[in-house]
PDB file of N, CA and C in Angstrom:
ATOM      1  N   MET A   1      98.949 -12.239  22.234  1.00  0.00           N
ATOM      2  CA  MET A   1      99.386 -12.691  23.531  1.00  0.00           C
ATOM      3  C   MET A   1      99.546 -11.470  24.436  1.00  0.00           C
ATOM      4  N   HIS A   2      99.305 -11.688  25.704  1.00  0.00           N
ATOM      5  CA  HIS A   2      99.527 -10.630  26.688  1.00  0.00           C
ATOM      6  C   HIS A   2     100.958 -10.707  27.198  1.00  0.00           C
ATOM      7  N   ALA A   3     101.531  -9.552  27.458  1.00  0.00           N
ATOM      8  CA  ALA A   3     102.909  -9.486  27.914  1.00  0.00           C
ATOM      9  C   ALA A   3     103.053 -10.058  29.319  1.00  0.00           C
ATOM     10  N   SER A   4     104.227 -10.582  29.583  1.00  0.00           N
ATOM     11  CA  SER A   4     104.552 -11.056  30.923  1.00  0.00           C
ATOM     12  C   SER A   4     104.866  -9.855  31.818  1.00  0.00           C
ATOM     13  N   ALA A   5     104.920 -10.080  33.100  1.00  0.00           N
ATOM     14  CA  ALA A   5     105.275  -9.014  34.042  1.00  0.00           C
ATOM     15  C   ALA A   5     106.669  -8.476  33.727  1.00  0.00           C
ATOM     16  N   ALA A   6     107.577  -9.352  33.330  1.00  0.00           N
ATOM     17  CA  ALA A   6     108.938  -8.921  32.987  1.00  0.00           C
ATOM     18  C   ALA A   6     108.931  -8.019  31.749  1.00  0.00           C
ATOM     19  N   GLU A   7     108.120  -8.353  30.733  1.00  0.00           N
ATOM     20  CA  GLU A   7     108.022  -7.514  29.529  1.00  0.00           C
ATOM     21  C   GLU A   7     107.424  -6.149  29.858  1.00  0.00           C
ATOM     22  N   LEU A   8     106.410  -6.125  30.724  1.00  0.00           N
ATOM     23  CA  LEU A   8     105.809  -4.852  31.125  1.00  0.00           C
ATOM     24  C   LEU A   8     106.836  -3.981  31.825  1.00  0.00           C
ATOM     25  N   ALA A   9     107.597  -4.569  32.715  1.00  0.00           N
ATOM     26  CA  ALA A   9     108.623  -3.816  33.439  1.00  0.00           C
ATOM     27  C   ALA A   9     109.712  -3.330  32.490  1.00  0.00           C
ATOM     28  N   GLN A  10     110.131  -4.184  31.580  1.00  0.00           N
ATOM     29  CA  GLN A  10     111.190  -3.812  30.650  1.00  0.00           C
ATOM     30  C   GLN A  10     110.771  -2.651  29.751  1.00  0.00           C
ATOM     31  N   ARG A  11     109.524  -2.666  29.288  1.00  0.00           N
ATOM     32  CA  ARG A  11     109.039  -1.623  28.383  1.00  0.00           C
ATOM     33  C   ARG A  11     108.437  -0.443  29.128  1.00  0.00           C
ATOM     34  N   ARG A  12     108.297  -0.575  30.433  1.00  0.00           N
ATOM     35  CA  ARG A  12     107.778   0.476  31.309  1.00  0.00           C
ATOM     36  C   ARG A  12     106.395   0.941  30.869  1.00  0.00           C
ATOM     37  N   VAL A  13     105.482  -0.043  30.724  1.00  0.00           N
ATOM     38  CA  VAL A  13     104.099   0.237  30.366  1.00  0.00           C
ATOM     39  C   VAL A  13     103.179  -0.536  31.306  1.00  0.00           C
ATOM     40  N   GLN A  14     101.911  -0.114  31.353  1.00  0.00           N
ATOM     41  CA  GLN A  14     100.938  -0.771  32.219  1.00  0.00           C
ATOM     42  C   GLN A  14     100.314  -2.002  31.568  1.00  0.00           C
ATOM     43  N   ALA A  15     100.182  -1.969  30.246  1.00  0.00           N
ATOM     44  CA  ALA A  15      99.583  -3.109  29.541  1.00  0.00           C
ATOM     45  C   ALA A  15     100.223  -3.218  28.164  1.00  0.00           C
ATOM     46  N   LEU A  16     100.347  -4.457  27.694  1.00  0.00           N
ATOM     47  CA  LEU A  16     100.953  -4.691  26.393  1.00  0.00           C
ATOM     48  C   LEU A  16     100.441  -6.013  25.845  1.00  0.00           C
ATOM     49  N   ALA A  17     100.093  -5.999  24.575  1.00  0.00           N
ATOM     50  CA  ALA A  17      99.739  -7.237  23.872  1.00  0.00           C
ATOM     51  C   ALA A  17     100.643  -7.310  22.649  1.00  0.00           C
ATOM     52  N   TRP A  18     100.937  -8.510  22.211  1.00  0.00           N
ATOM     53  CA  TRP A  18     101.787  -8.662  21.028  1.00  0.00           C
ATOM     54  C   TRP A  18     101.253  -9.768  20.146  1.00  0.00           C
ATOM     55  N   PHE A  19     101.646  -9.692  18.878  1.00  0.00           N
ATOM     56  CA  PHE A  19     101.221 -10.685  17.901  1.00  0.00           C
ATOM     57  C   PHE A  19     102.290 -10.753  16.816  1.00  0.00           C
ATOM     58  N   VAL A  20     102.241 -11.802  16.015  1.00  0.00           N
ATOM     59  CA  VAL A  20     103.210 -12.014  14.952  1.00  0.00           C
ATOM     60  C   VAL A  20     102.475 -11.970  13.621  1.00  0.00           C
ATOM     61  N   ASP A  21     103.021 -11.208  12.672  1.00  0.00           N
ATOM     62  CA  ASP A  21     102.393 -11.121  11.351  1.00  0.00           C
ATOM     63  C   ASP A  21     102.749 -12.350  10.508  1.00  0.00           C
ATOM     64  N   PRO A  22     102.169 -12.508   9.333  1.00  0.00           N
ATOM     65  CA  PRO A  22     102.419 -13.700   8.509  1.00  0.00           C
ATOM     66  C   PRO A  22     103.879 -13.901   8.089  1.00  0.00           C
ATOM     67  N   SER A  23     104.697 -12.850   8.181  1.00  0.00           N
ATOM     68  CA  SER A  23     106.116 -12.996   7.848  1.00  0.00           C
ATOM     69  C   SER A  23     106.984 -13.241   9.078  1.00  0.00           C
ATOM     70  N   GLY A  24     106.361 -13.346  10.250  1.00  0.00           N
ATOM     71  CA  GLY A  24     107.122 -13.642  11.463  1.00  0.00           C
ATOM     72  C   GLY A  24     107.605 -12.429  12.223  1.00  0.00           C
ATOM     73  N   ASN A  25     107.169 -11.223  11.846  1.00  0.00           N
ATOM     74  CA  ASN A  25     107.556 -10.004  12.565  1.00  0.00           C
ATOM     75  C   ASN A  25     106.667  -9.825  13.787  1.00  0.00           C
ATOM     76  N   ARG A  26     107.285  -9.591  14.926  1.00  0.00           N
ATOM     77  CA  ARG A  26     106.528  -9.363  16.156  1.00  0.00           C
ATOM     78  C   ARG A  26     106.134  -7.892  16.241  1.00  0.00           C
ATOM     79  N   HIS A  27     104.863  -7.649  16.549  1.00  0.00           N
ATOM     80  CA  HIS A  27     104.324  -6.309  16.739  1.00  0.00           C
ATOM     81  C   HIS A  27     103.809  -6.203  18.163  1.00  0.00           C
ATOM     82  N   GLU A  28     103.965  -5.040  18.751  1.00  0.00           N
ATOM     83  CA  GLU A  28     103.502  -4.828  20.118  1.00  0.00           C
ATOM     84  C   GLU A  28     102.610  -3.594  20.171  1.00  0.00           C
ATOM     85  N   VAL A  29     101.547  -3.690  20.953  1.00  0.00           N
ATOM     86  CA  VAL A  29     100.640  -2.583  21.192  1.00  0.00           C
ATOM     87  C   VAL A  29     100.618  -2.374  22.696  1.00  0.00           C
ATOM     88  N   SER A  30     100.934  -1.154  23.129  1.00  0.00           N
ATOM     89  CA  SER A  30     101.010  -0.917  24.578  1.00  0.00           C
ATOM     90  C   SER A  30     100.148   0.267  24.970  1.00  0.00           C
ATOM     91  N   TRP A  31      99.948   0.363  26.269  1.00  0.00           N
ATOM     92  CA  TRP A  31      99.134   1.425  26.855  1.00  0.00           C
ATOM     93  C   TRP A  31      99.732   1.792  28.200  1.00  0.00           C
ATOM     94  N   GLY A  32      99.633   3.046  28.576  1.00  0.00           N
ATOM     95  CA  GLY A  32      99.969   3.477  29.927  1.00  0.00           C
ATOM     96  C   GLY A  32     101.458   3.537  30.230  1.00  0.00           C
ATOM     97  N   MET A  33     102.154   4.426  29.574  1.00  0.00           N
ATOM     98  CA  MET A  33     103.582   4.573  29.809  1.00  0.00           C
ATOM     99  C   MET A  33     103.865   4.890  31.284  1.00  0.00           C
ATOM    100  N   CYS A  34     104.824   4.200  31.839  1.00  0.00           N
ATOM    101  CA  CYS A  34     105.293   4.473  33.196  1.00  0.00           C
ATOM    102  C   CYS A  34     106.580   5.267  33.069  1.00  0.00           C
ATOM    103  N   SER A  35     106.635   6.452  33.653  1.00  0.00           N
ATOM    104  CA  SER A  35     107.796   7.305  33.479  1.00  0.00           C
ATOM    105  C   SER A  35     108.078   8.098  34.729  1.00  0.00           C
ATOM    106  N   ASP A  36     109.358   8.362  34.949  1.00  0.00           N
ATOM    107  CA  ASP A  36     109.739   9.275  36.024  1.00  0.00           C
ATOM    108  C   ASP A  36     109.825  10.707  35.495  1.00  0.00           C
ATOM    109  N   PHE A  37     109.617  10.868  34.183  1.00  0.00           N
ATOM    110  CA  PHE A  37     109.590  12.151  33.488  1.00  0.00           C
ATOM    111  C   PHE A  37     110.914  12.912  33.572  1.00  0.00           C
ATOM    112  N   LEU A  38     111.999  12.184  33.846  1.00  0.00           N
ATOM    113  CA  LEU A  38     113.320  12.788  33.792  1.00  0.00           C
ATOM    114  C   LEU A  38     113.789  12.821  32.343  1.00  0.00           C
ATOM    115  N   ARG A  39     114.681  13.731  32.040  1.00  0.00           N
ATOM    116  CA  ARG A  39     115.220  13.827  30.690  1.00  0.00           C
ATOM    117  C   ARG A  39     115.987  12.556  30.356  1.00  0.00           C
ATOM    118  N   PHE A  40     115.809  12.075  29.116  1.00  0.00           N
ATOM    119  CA  PHE A  40     116.490  10.862  28.666  1.00  0.00           C
ATOM    120  C   PHE A  40     117.988  11.134  28.539  1.00  0.00           C
ATOM    121  N   VAL A  41     118.804  10.210  29.052  1.00  0.00           N
ATOM    122  CA  VAL A  41     120.249  10.257  28.893  1.00  0.00           C
ATOM    123  C   VAL A  41     120.659   8.950  28.224  1.00  0.00           C
ATOM    124  N   SER A  42     121.260   9.053  27.061  1.00  0.00           N
ATOM    125  CA  SER A  42     121.655   7.873  26.296  1.00  0.00           C
ATOM    126  C   SER A  42     122.714   7.077  27.043  1.00  0.00           C
ATOM    127  N   PRO A  43     122.529   5.766  27.157  1.00  0.00           N
ATOM    128  CA  PRO A  43     123.550   4.944  27.815  1.00  0.00           C
ATOM    129  C   PRO A  43     124.831   4.803  26.992  1.00  0.00           C
ATOM    130  N   ILE A  44     124.780   5.200  25.693  1.00  0.00           N
ATOM    131  CA  ILE A  44     125.988   5.102  24.871  1.00  0.00           C
ATOM    132  C   ILE A  44     126.535   6.484  24.498  1.00  0.00           C
ATOM    133  N   GLY A  45     126.011   7.523  25.105  1.00  0.00           N
ATOM    134  CA  GLY A  45     126.582   8.854  24.940  1.00  0.00           C
ATOM    135  C   GLY A  45     126.088   9.680  23.778  1.00  0.00           C
ATOM    136  N   VAL A  46     124.969   9.305  23.148  1.00  0.00           N
ATOM    137  CA  VAL A  46     124.419  10.137  22.078  1.00  0.00           C
ATOM    138  C   VAL A  46     123.992  11.455  22.709  1.00  0.00           C
ATOM    139  N   PRO A  47     124.524  12.593  22.215  1.00  0.00           N
ATOM    140  CA  PRO A  47     124.270  13.862  22.900  1.00  0.00           C
ATOM    141  C   PRO A  47     122.838  14.378  22.786  1.00  0.00           C
ATOM    142  N   ARG A  48     122.154  14.051  21.674  1.00  0.00           N
ATOM    143  CA  ARG A  48     120.763  14.497  21.528  1.00  0.00           C
ATOM    144  C   ARG A  48     120.067  13.652  20.483  1.00  0.00           C
ATOM    145  N   PHE A  49     118.757  13.675  20.530  1.00  0.00           N
ATOM    146  CA  PHE A  49     117.928  12.929  19.595  1.00  0.00           C
ATOM    147  C   PHE A  49     116.803  13.860  19.192  1.00  0.00           C
ATOM    148  N   LEU A  50     116.818  14.296  17.938  1.00  0.00           N
ATOM    149  CA  LEU A  50     115.826  15.252  17.466  1.00  0.00           C
ATOM    150  C   LEU A  50     114.883  14.598  16.469  1.00  0.00           C
ATOM    151  N   THR A  51     113.613  14.893  16.600  1.00  0.00           N
ATOM    152  CA  THR A  51     112.613  14.451  15.631  1.00  0.00           C
ATOM    153  C   THR A  51     111.716  15.639  15.329  1.00  0.00           C
ATOM    154  N   ASP A  52     110.904  15.478  14.308  1.00  0.00           N
ATOM    155  CA  ASP A  52     109.918  16.523  14.058  1.00  0.00           C
ATOM    156  C   ASP A  52     108.751  16.307  15.028  1.00  0.00           C
ATOM    157  N   PRO A  53     107.720  17.130  14.956  1.00  0.00           N
ATOM    158  CA  PRO A  53     106.615  16.981  15.919  1.00  0.00           C
ATOM    159  C   PRO A  53     105.906  15.614  15.879  1.00  0.00           C
ATOM    160  N   MET A  54     106.067  14.842  14.787  1.00  0.00           N
ATOM    161  CA  MET A  54     105.402  13.540  14.724  1.00  0.00           C
ATOM    162  C   MET A  54     106.252  12.411  15.295  1.00  0.00           C
ATOM    163  N   GLY A  55     107.444  12.710  15.793  1.00  0.00           N
ATOM    164  CA  GLY A  55     108.264  11.672  16.408  1.00  0.00           C
ATOM    165  C   GLY A  55     109.180  10.992  15.411  1.00  0.00           C
ATOM    166  N   ALA A  56     109.632   9.817  15.783  1.00  0.00           N
ATOM    167  CA  ALA A  56     110.580   9.066  14.963  1.00  0.00           C
ATOM    168  C   ALA A  56     109.952   8.670  13.634  1.00  0.00           C
ATOM    169  N   GLY A  57     110.813   8.363  12.675  1.00  0.00           N
ATOM    170  CA  GLY A  57     110.358   8.010  11.338  1.00  0.00           C
ATOM    171  C   GLY A  57     109.831   6.595  11.235  1.00  0.00           C
ATOM    172  N   HIS A  58     109.790   6.102  10.006  1.00  0.00           N
ATOM    173  CA  HIS A  58     109.154   4.822   9.731  1.00  0.00           C
ATOM    174  C   HIS A  58     110.092   3.635   9.947  1.00  0.00           C
ATOM    175  N   THR A  59     109.508   2.469   9.921  1.00  0.00           N
ATOM    176  CA  THR A  59     110.207   1.200  10.058  1.00  0.00           C
ATOM    177  C   THR A  59     110.008   0.400   8.779  1.00  0.00           C
ATOM    178  N   VAL A  60     111.039  -0.327   8.355  1.00  0.00           N
ATOM    179  CA  VAL A  60     110.943  -1.237   7.218  1.00  0.00           C
ATOM    180  C   VAL A  60     111.092  -2.654   7.751  1.00  0.00           C
ATOM    181  N   LEU A  61     110.112  -3.495   7.467  1.00  0.00           N
ATOM    182  CA  LEU A  61     110.120  -4.875   7.959  1.00  0.00           C
ATOM    183  C   LEU A  61     110.330  -5.856   6.811  1.00  0.00           C
ATOM    184  N   PRO A  62     111.089  -6.923   7.057  1.00  0.00           N
ATOM    185  CA  PRO A  62     111.201  -7.971   6.040  1.00  0.00           C
ATOM    186  C   PRO A  62     109.866  -8.693   5.917  1.00  0.00           C
ATOM    187  N   ALA A  63     109.510  -9.054   4.701  1.00  0.00           N
ATOM    188  CA  ALA A  63     108.223  -9.718   4.476  1.00  0.00           C
ATOM    189  C   ALA A  63     108.380 -10.828   3.441  1.00  0.00           C
ATOM    190  N   PRO A  64     108.921 -11.988   3.855  1.00  0.00           N
ATOM    191  CA  PRO A  64     109.027 -13.089   2.903  1.00  0.00           C
ATOM    192  C   PRO A  64     107.651 -13.588   2.439  1.00  0.00           C
ATOM    193  N   ALA A  65     106.651 -13.514   3.313  1.00  0.00           N
ATOM    194  CA  ALA A  65     105.267 -13.831   2.942  1.00  0.00           C
ATOM    195  C   ALA A  65     104.595 -12.494   2.595  1.00  0.00           C
ATOM    196  N   PHE A  66     105.062 -11.882   1.518  1.00  0.00           N
ATOM    197  CA  PHE A  66     104.720 -10.499   1.202  1.00  0.00           C
ATOM    198  C   PHE A  66     103.220 -10.264   1.055  1.00  0.00           C
ATOM    199  N   ASP A  67     102.565 -11.024   0.193  1.00  0.00           N
ATOM    200  CA  ASP A  67     101.141 -10.795  -0.063  1.00  0.00           C
ATOM    201  C   ASP A  67     100.294 -10.994   1.187  1.00  0.00           C
ATOM    202  N   GLU A  68     100.604 -12.021   1.956  1.00  0.00           N
ATOM    203  CA  GLU A  68      99.855 -12.291   3.186  1.00  0.00           C
ATOM    204  C   GLU A  68     100.098 -11.199   4.226  1.00  0.00           C
ATOM    205  N   THR A  69     101.345 -10.732   4.314  1.00  0.00           N
ATOM    206  CA  THR A  69     101.672  -9.681   5.278  1.00  0.00           C
ATOM    207  C   THR A  69     100.999  -8.369   4.890  1.00  0.00           C
ATOM    208  N   TYR A  70     101.024  -8.038   3.606  1.00  0.00           N
ATOM    209  CA  TYR A  70     100.345  -6.824   3.160  1.00  0.00           C
ATOM    210  C   TYR A  70      98.846  -6.907   3.453  1.00  0.00           C
ATOM    211  N   ALA A  71      98.223  -8.035   3.154  1.00  0.00           N
ATOM    212  CA  ALA A  71      96.787  -8.198   3.420  1.00  0.00           C
ATOM    213  C   ALA A  71      96.492  -8.049   4.919  1.00  0.00           C
ATOM    214  N   PHE A  72      97.342  -8.617   5.763  1.00  0.00           N
ATOM    215  CA  PHE A  72      97.168  -8.506   7.220  1.00  0.00           C
ATOM    216  C   PHE A  72      97.259  -7.047   7.662  1.00  0.00           C
ATOM    217  N   LEU A  73      98.298  -6.342   7.215  1.00  0.00           N
ATOM    218  CA  LEU A  73      98.470  -4.954   7.628  1.00  0.00           C
ATOM    219  C   LEU A  73      97.345  -4.072   7.098  1.00  0.00           C
ATOM    220  N   ARG A  74      96.867  -4.349   5.906  1.00  0.00           N
ATOM    221  CA  ARG A  74      95.781  -3.571   5.298  1.00  0.00           C
ATOM    222  C   ARG A  74      94.437  -3.913   5.945  1.00  0.00           C
ATOM    223  N   ASP A  75      94.086  -5.200   5.972  1.00  0.00           N
ATOM    224  CA  ASP A  75      92.736  -5.617   6.353  1.00  0.00           C
ATOM    225  C   ASP A  75      92.529  -5.741   7.860  1.00  0.00           C
ATOM    226  N   VAL A  76      93.556  -6.131   8.585  1.00  0.00           N
ATOM    227  CA  VAL A  76      93.425  -6.310  10.036  1.00  0.00           C
ATOM    228  C   VAL A  76      93.887  -5.065  10.787  1.00  0.00           C
ATOM    229  N   MET A  77      95.043  -4.536  10.410  1.00  0.00           N
ATOM    230  CA  MET A  77      95.610  -3.411  11.140  1.00  0.00           C
ATOM    231  C   MET A  77      95.160  -2.048  10.606  1.00  0.00           C
ATOM    232  N   GLY A  78      94.565  -2.003   9.412  1.00  0.00           N
ATOM    233  CA  GLY A  78      93.994  -0.768   8.894  1.00  0.00           C
ATOM    234  C   GLY A  78      94.956   0.185   8.216  1.00  0.00           C
ATOM    235  N   PHE A  79      96.135  -0.284   7.823  1.00  0.00           N
ATOM    236  CA  PHE A  79      97.077   0.575   7.103  1.00  0.00           C
ATOM    237  C   PHE A  79      96.599   0.792   5.671  1.00  0.00           C
ATOM    238  N   GLY A  80      96.894   1.974   5.144  1.00  0.00           N
ATOM    239  CA  GLY A  80      96.606   2.285   3.753  1.00  0.00           C
ATOM    240  C   GLY A  80      97.896   2.285   2.937  1.00  0.00           C
ATOM    241  N   LEU A  81      97.773   2.062   1.649  1.00  0.00           N
ATOM    242  CA  LEU A  81      98.924   2.019   0.759  1.00  0.00           C
ATOM    243  C   LEU A  81      99.289   3.427   0.307  1.00  0.00           C
ATOM    244  N   SER A  82     100.560   3.816   0.475  1.00  0.00           N
ATOM    245  CA  SER A  82     101.044   5.125   0.030  1.00  0.00           C
ATOM    246  C   SER A  82     101.806   5.029  -1.280  1.00  0.00           C
ATOM    247  N   ASP A  83     102.698   4.055  -1.390  1.00  0.00           N
ATOM    248  CA  ASP A  83     103.544   3.912  -2.565  1.00  0.00           C
ATOM    249  C   ASP A  83     103.959   2.462  -2.740  1.00  0.00           C
ATOM    250  N   ILE A  84     104.314   2.131  -3.974  1.00  0.00           N
ATOM    251  CA  ILE A  84     104.851   0.808  -4.301  1.00  0.00           C
ATOM    252  C   ILE A  84     106.156   1.016  -5.059  1.00  0.00           C
ATOM    253  N   PHE A  85     107.207   0.381  -4.610  1.00  0.00           N
ATOM    254  CA  PHE A  85     108.478   0.354  -5.340  1.00  0.00           C
ATOM    255  C   PHE A  85     108.777  -1.070  -5.724  1.00  0.00           C
ATOM    256  N   ARG A  86     109.456  -1.237  -6.826  1.00  0.00           N
ATOM    257  CA  ARG A  86     110.004  -2.527  -7.245  1.00  0.00           C
ATOM    258  C   ARG A  86     111.482  -2.275  -7.528  1.00  0.00           C
ATOM    259  N   VAL A  87     112.360  -3.044  -6.882  1.00  0.00           N
ATOM    260  CA  VAL A  87     113.790  -2.773  -6.976  1.00  0.00           C
ATOM    261  C   VAL A  87     114.587  -4.029  -7.300  1.00  0.00           C
ATOM    262  N   ARG A  88     115.733  -3.791  -7.924  1.00  0.00           N
ATOM    263  CA  ARG A  88     116.779  -4.803  -8.095  1.00  0.00           C
ATOM    264  C   ARG A  88     118.046  -4.175  -7.522  1.00  0.00           C
ATOM    265  N   PHE A  89     118.891  -4.986  -6.927  1.00  0.00           N
ATOM    266  CA  PHE A  89     120.101  -4.446  -6.322  1.00  0.00           C
ATOM    267  C   PHE A  89     121.336  -4.670  -7.177  1.00  0.00           C
ATOM    268  N   THR A  90     121.172  -5.306  -8.298  1.00  0.00           N
ATOM    269  CA  THR A  90     122.276  -5.493  -9.245  1.00  0.00           C
ATOM    270  C   THR A  90     121.755  -5.160 -10.635  1.00  0.00           C
ATOM    271  N   SER A  91     122.669  -5.127 -11.598  1.00  0.00           N
ATOM    272  CA  SER A  91     122.260  -4.874 -12.982  1.00  0.00           C
ATOM    273  C   SER A  91     121.889  -6.170 -13.709  1.00  0.00           C
ATOM    274  N   ASP A  92     121.917  -7.288 -13.006  1.00  0.00           N
ATOM    275  CA  ASP A  92     121.589  -8.594 -13.586  1.00  0.00           C
ATOM    276  C   ASP A  92     120.091  -8.667 -13.871  1.00  0.00           C
ATOM    277  N   PRO A  93     119.678  -8.769 -15.140  1.00  0.00           N
ATOM    278  CA  PRO A  93     118.245  -8.827 -15.441  1.00  0.00           C
ATOM    279  C   PRO A  93     117.581 -10.105 -14.933  1.00  0.00           C
ATOM    280  N   ALA A  94     118.389 -11.106 -14.589  1.00  0.00           N
ATOM    281  CA  ALA A  94     117.819 -12.343 -14.045  1.00  0.00           C
ATOM    282  C   ALA A  94     117.463 -12.207 -12.567  1.00  0.00           C
ATOM    283  N   GLU A  95     117.971 -11.175 -11.916  1.00  0.00           N
ATOM    284  CA  GLU A  95     117.625 -10.961 -10.509  1.00  0.00           C
ATOM    285  C   GLU A  95     116.153 -10.585 -10.425  1.00  0.00           C
ATOM    286  N   PRO A  96     115.399 -11.292  -9.615  1.00  0.00           N
ATOM    287  CA  PRO A  96     113.975 -10.930  -9.514  1.00  0.00           C
ATOM    288  C   PRO A  96     113.771  -9.574  -8.835  1.00  0.00           C
ATOM    289  N   GLU A  97     112.762  -8.864  -9.281  1.00  0.00           N
ATOM    290  CA  GLU A  97     112.405  -7.619  -8.613  1.00  0.00           C
ATOM    291  C   GLU A  97     111.889  -7.942  -7.217  1.00  0.00           C
ATOM    292  N   LYS A  98     112.168  -7.034  -6.304  1.00  0.00           N
ATOM    293  CA  LYS A  98     111.661  -7.148  -4.937  1.00  0.00           C
ATOM    294  C   LYS A  98     110.712  -5.982  -4.697  1.00  0.00           C
ATOM    295  N   ARG A  99     109.597  -6.276  -4.052  1.00  0.00           N
ATOM    296  CA  ARG A  99     108.588  -5.246  -3.806  1.00  0.00           C
ATOM    297  C   ARG A  99     108.819  -4.581  -2.458  1.00  0.00           C
ATOM    298  N   ILE A 100     108.553  -3.296  -2.430  1.00  0.00           N
ATOM    299  CA  ILE A 100     108.497  -2.530  -1.187  1.00  0.00           C
ATOM    300  C   ILE A 100     107.179  -1.768  -1.217  1.00  0.00           C
ATOM    301  N   HIS A 101     106.356  -1.979  -0.219  1.00  0.00           N
ATOM    302  CA  HIS A 101     105.120  -1.214  -0.083  1.00  0.00           C
ATOM    303  C   HIS A 101     105.268  -0.277   1.109  1.00  0.00           C
ATOM    304  N   PHE A 102     104.973   0.985   0.884  1.00  0.00           N
ATOM    305  CA  PHE A 102     104.985   1.991   1.934  1.00  0.00           C
ATOM    306  C   PHE A 102     103.544   2.192   2.396  1.00  0.00           C
ATOM    307  N   LEU A 103     103.327   2.119   3.698  1.00  0.00           N
ATOM    308  CA  LEU A 103     101.982   2.128   4.269  1.00  0.00           C
ATOM    309  C   LEU A 103     101.822   3.291   5.241  1.00  0.00           C
ATOM    310  N   HIS A 104     100.606   3.820   5.298  1.00  0.00           N
ATOM    311  CA  HIS A 104     100.328   4.929   6.214  1.00  0.00           C
ATOM    312  C   HIS A 104      99.188   4.567   7.167  1.00  0.00           C
ATOM    313  N   CYS A 105      99.159   5.292   8.266  1.00  0.00           N
ATOM    314  CA  CYS A 105      98.043   5.199   9.212  1.00  0.00           C
ATOM    315  C   CYS A 105      97.555   6.628   9.457  1.00  0.00           C
ATOM    316  N   ALA A 106      96.698   6.813  10.387  1.00  0.00           N
ATOM    317  CA  ALA A 106      96.065   8.121  10.589  1.00  0.00           C
ATOM    318  C   ALA A 106      96.950   9.048  11.424  1.00  0.00           C
ATOM    319  N   ASN A 107      98.128   9.426  10.888  1.00  0.00           N
ATOM    320  CA  ASN A 107      98.988  10.334  11.642  1.00  0.00           C
ATOM    321  C   ASN A 107      99.552  11.471  10.799  1.00  0.00           C
ATOM    322  N   GLY A 108      99.147  11.608   9.570  1.00  0.00           N
ATOM    323  CA  GLY A 108      99.608  12.705   8.735  1.00  0.00           C
ATOM    324  C   GLY A 108     100.889  12.434   7.966  1.00  0.00           C
ATOM    325  N   ARG A 109     101.570  11.363   8.237  1.00  0.00           N
ATOM    326  CA  ARG A 109     102.787  11.024   7.494  1.00  0.00           C
ATOM    327  C   ARG A 109     102.419  10.408   6.151  1.00  0.00           C
ATOM    328  N   HIS A 110     103.305  10.562   5.183  1.00  0.00           N
ATOM    329  CA  HIS A 110     103.134   9.868   3.908  1.00  0.00           C
ATOM    330  C   HIS A 110     103.163   8.367   4.143  1.00  0.00           C
ATOM    331  N   HIS A 111     104.077   7.920   4.986  1.00  0.00           N
ATOM    332  CA  HIS A 111     104.126   6.505   5.366  1.00  0.00           C
ATOM    333  C   HIS A 111     104.754   6.372   6.750  1.00  0.00           C
ATOM    334  N   SER A 112     104.332   5.350   7.476  1.00  0.00           N
ATOM    335  CA  SER A 112     104.854   5.058   8.808  1.00  0.00           C
ATOM    336  C   SER A 112     105.503   3.690   8.867  1.00  0.00           C
ATOM    337  N   LEU A 113     105.172   2.836   7.922  1.00  0.00           N
ATOM    338  CA  LEU A 113     105.659   1.464   7.917  1.00  0.00           C
ATOM    339  C   LEU A 113     105.869   1.046   6.476  1.00  0.00           C
ATOM    340  N   ALA A 114     106.923   0.287   6.238  1.00  0.00           N
ATOM    341  CA  ALA A 114     107.145  -0.292   4.918  1.00  0.00           C
ATOM    342  C   ALA A 114     107.436  -1.775   5.086  1.00  0.00           C
ATOM    343  N   ILE A 115     107.013  -2.560   4.106  1.00  0.00           N
ATOM    344  CA  ILE A 115     107.376  -3.975   4.088  1.00  0.00           C
ATOM    345  C   ILE A 115     108.178  -4.235   2.828  1.00  0.00           C
ATOM    346  N   PHE A 116     109.183  -5.074   2.973  1.00  0.00           N
ATOM    347  CA  PHE A 116     110.141  -5.335   1.906  1.00  0.00           C
ATOM    348  C   PHE A 116     110.171  -6.826   1.628  1.00  0.00           C
ATOM    349  N   GLU A 117     110.003  -7.187   0.389  1.00  0.00           N
ATOM    350  CA  GLU A 117     109.943  -8.589  -0.019  1.00  0.00           C
ATOM    351  C   GLU A 117     111.345  -9.204   0.048  1.00  0.00           C
ATOM    352  N   MET A 118     111.669  -9.709   1.221  1.00  0.00           N
ATOM    353  CA  MET A 118     112.973 -10.332   1.428  1.00  0.00           C
ATOM    354  C   MET A 118     112.885 -11.368   2.541  1.00  0.00           C
ATOM    355  N   ARG A 119     113.862 -12.248   2.565  1.00  0.00           N
ATOM    356  CA  ARG A 119     113.914 -13.248   3.630  1.00  0.00           C
ATOM    357  C   ARG A 119     114.275 -12.580   4.938  1.00  0.00           C
ATOM    358  N   ARG A 120     113.877 -13.219   6.015  1.00  0.00           N
ATOM    359  CA  ARG A 120     114.269 -12.765   7.353  1.00  0.00           C
ATOM    360  C   ARG A 120     115.609 -13.386   7.695  1.00  0.00           C
ATOM    361  N   LYS A 121     116.450 -12.636   8.362  1.00  0.00           N
ATOM    362  CA  LYS A 121     117.691 -13.211   8.878  1.00  0.00           C
ATOM    363  C   LYS A 121     117.332 -14.078  10.074  1.00  0.00           C
ATOM    364  N   PRO A 122     118.022 -15.211  10.227  1.00  0.00           N
ATOM    365  CA  PRO A 122     117.761 -16.028  11.429  1.00  0.00           C
ATOM    366  C   PRO A 122     118.109 -15.228  12.676  1.00  0.00           C
ATOM    367  N   ALA A 123     117.341 -15.434  13.727  1.00  0.00           N
ATOM    368  CA  ALA A 123     117.616 -14.762  14.991  1.00  0.00           C
ATOM    369  C   ALA A 123     118.937 -15.254  15.560  1.00  0.00           C
ATOM    370  N   ALA A 124     119.660 -14.339  16.174  1.00  0.00           N
ATOM    371  CA  ALA A 124     120.937 -14.716  16.789  1.00  0.00           C
ATOM    372  C   ALA A 124     120.674 -15.637  17.980  1.00  0.00           C
ATOM    373  N   SER A 125     121.483 -16.637  18.116  1.00  0.00           N
ATOM    374  CA  SER A 125     121.312 -17.551  19.258  1.00  0.00           C
ATOM    375  C   SER A 125     121.846 -16.892  20.508  1.00  0.00           C
ATOM    376  N   MET A 126     121.218 -17.205  21.614  1.00  0.00           N
ATOM    377  CA  MET A 126     121.629 -16.617  22.889  1.00  0.00           C
ATOM    378  C   MET A 126     122.375 -17.612  23.719  1.00  0.00           C
TER     379      MET A 126
END
């Protein structure tokens, strides 16, 4: 879908398209940042924000439709697989393992995106 004029203004970009993956996560692709090039001042008073030369780190997304979401990110979006983890959060052997796949793109990072086999929290009502 193409962004509305309000979404473009809010994100301060010239063009934006968005889509939803098989697990219901919204992804946005934008172009043409609109900026006054003034130094960022945090509205909540964070004194500084430091990253390495590649920018902010990775994102972990919930993926209840894990296999379908992984296939979408791999086959449609072009991400490669970096690592696979299987985790339990308790010592209960009856707890099913949950998968985490770490994915990379062409930016030199080991991974830029991870998907985690878990349910999505319902969106907060407005």
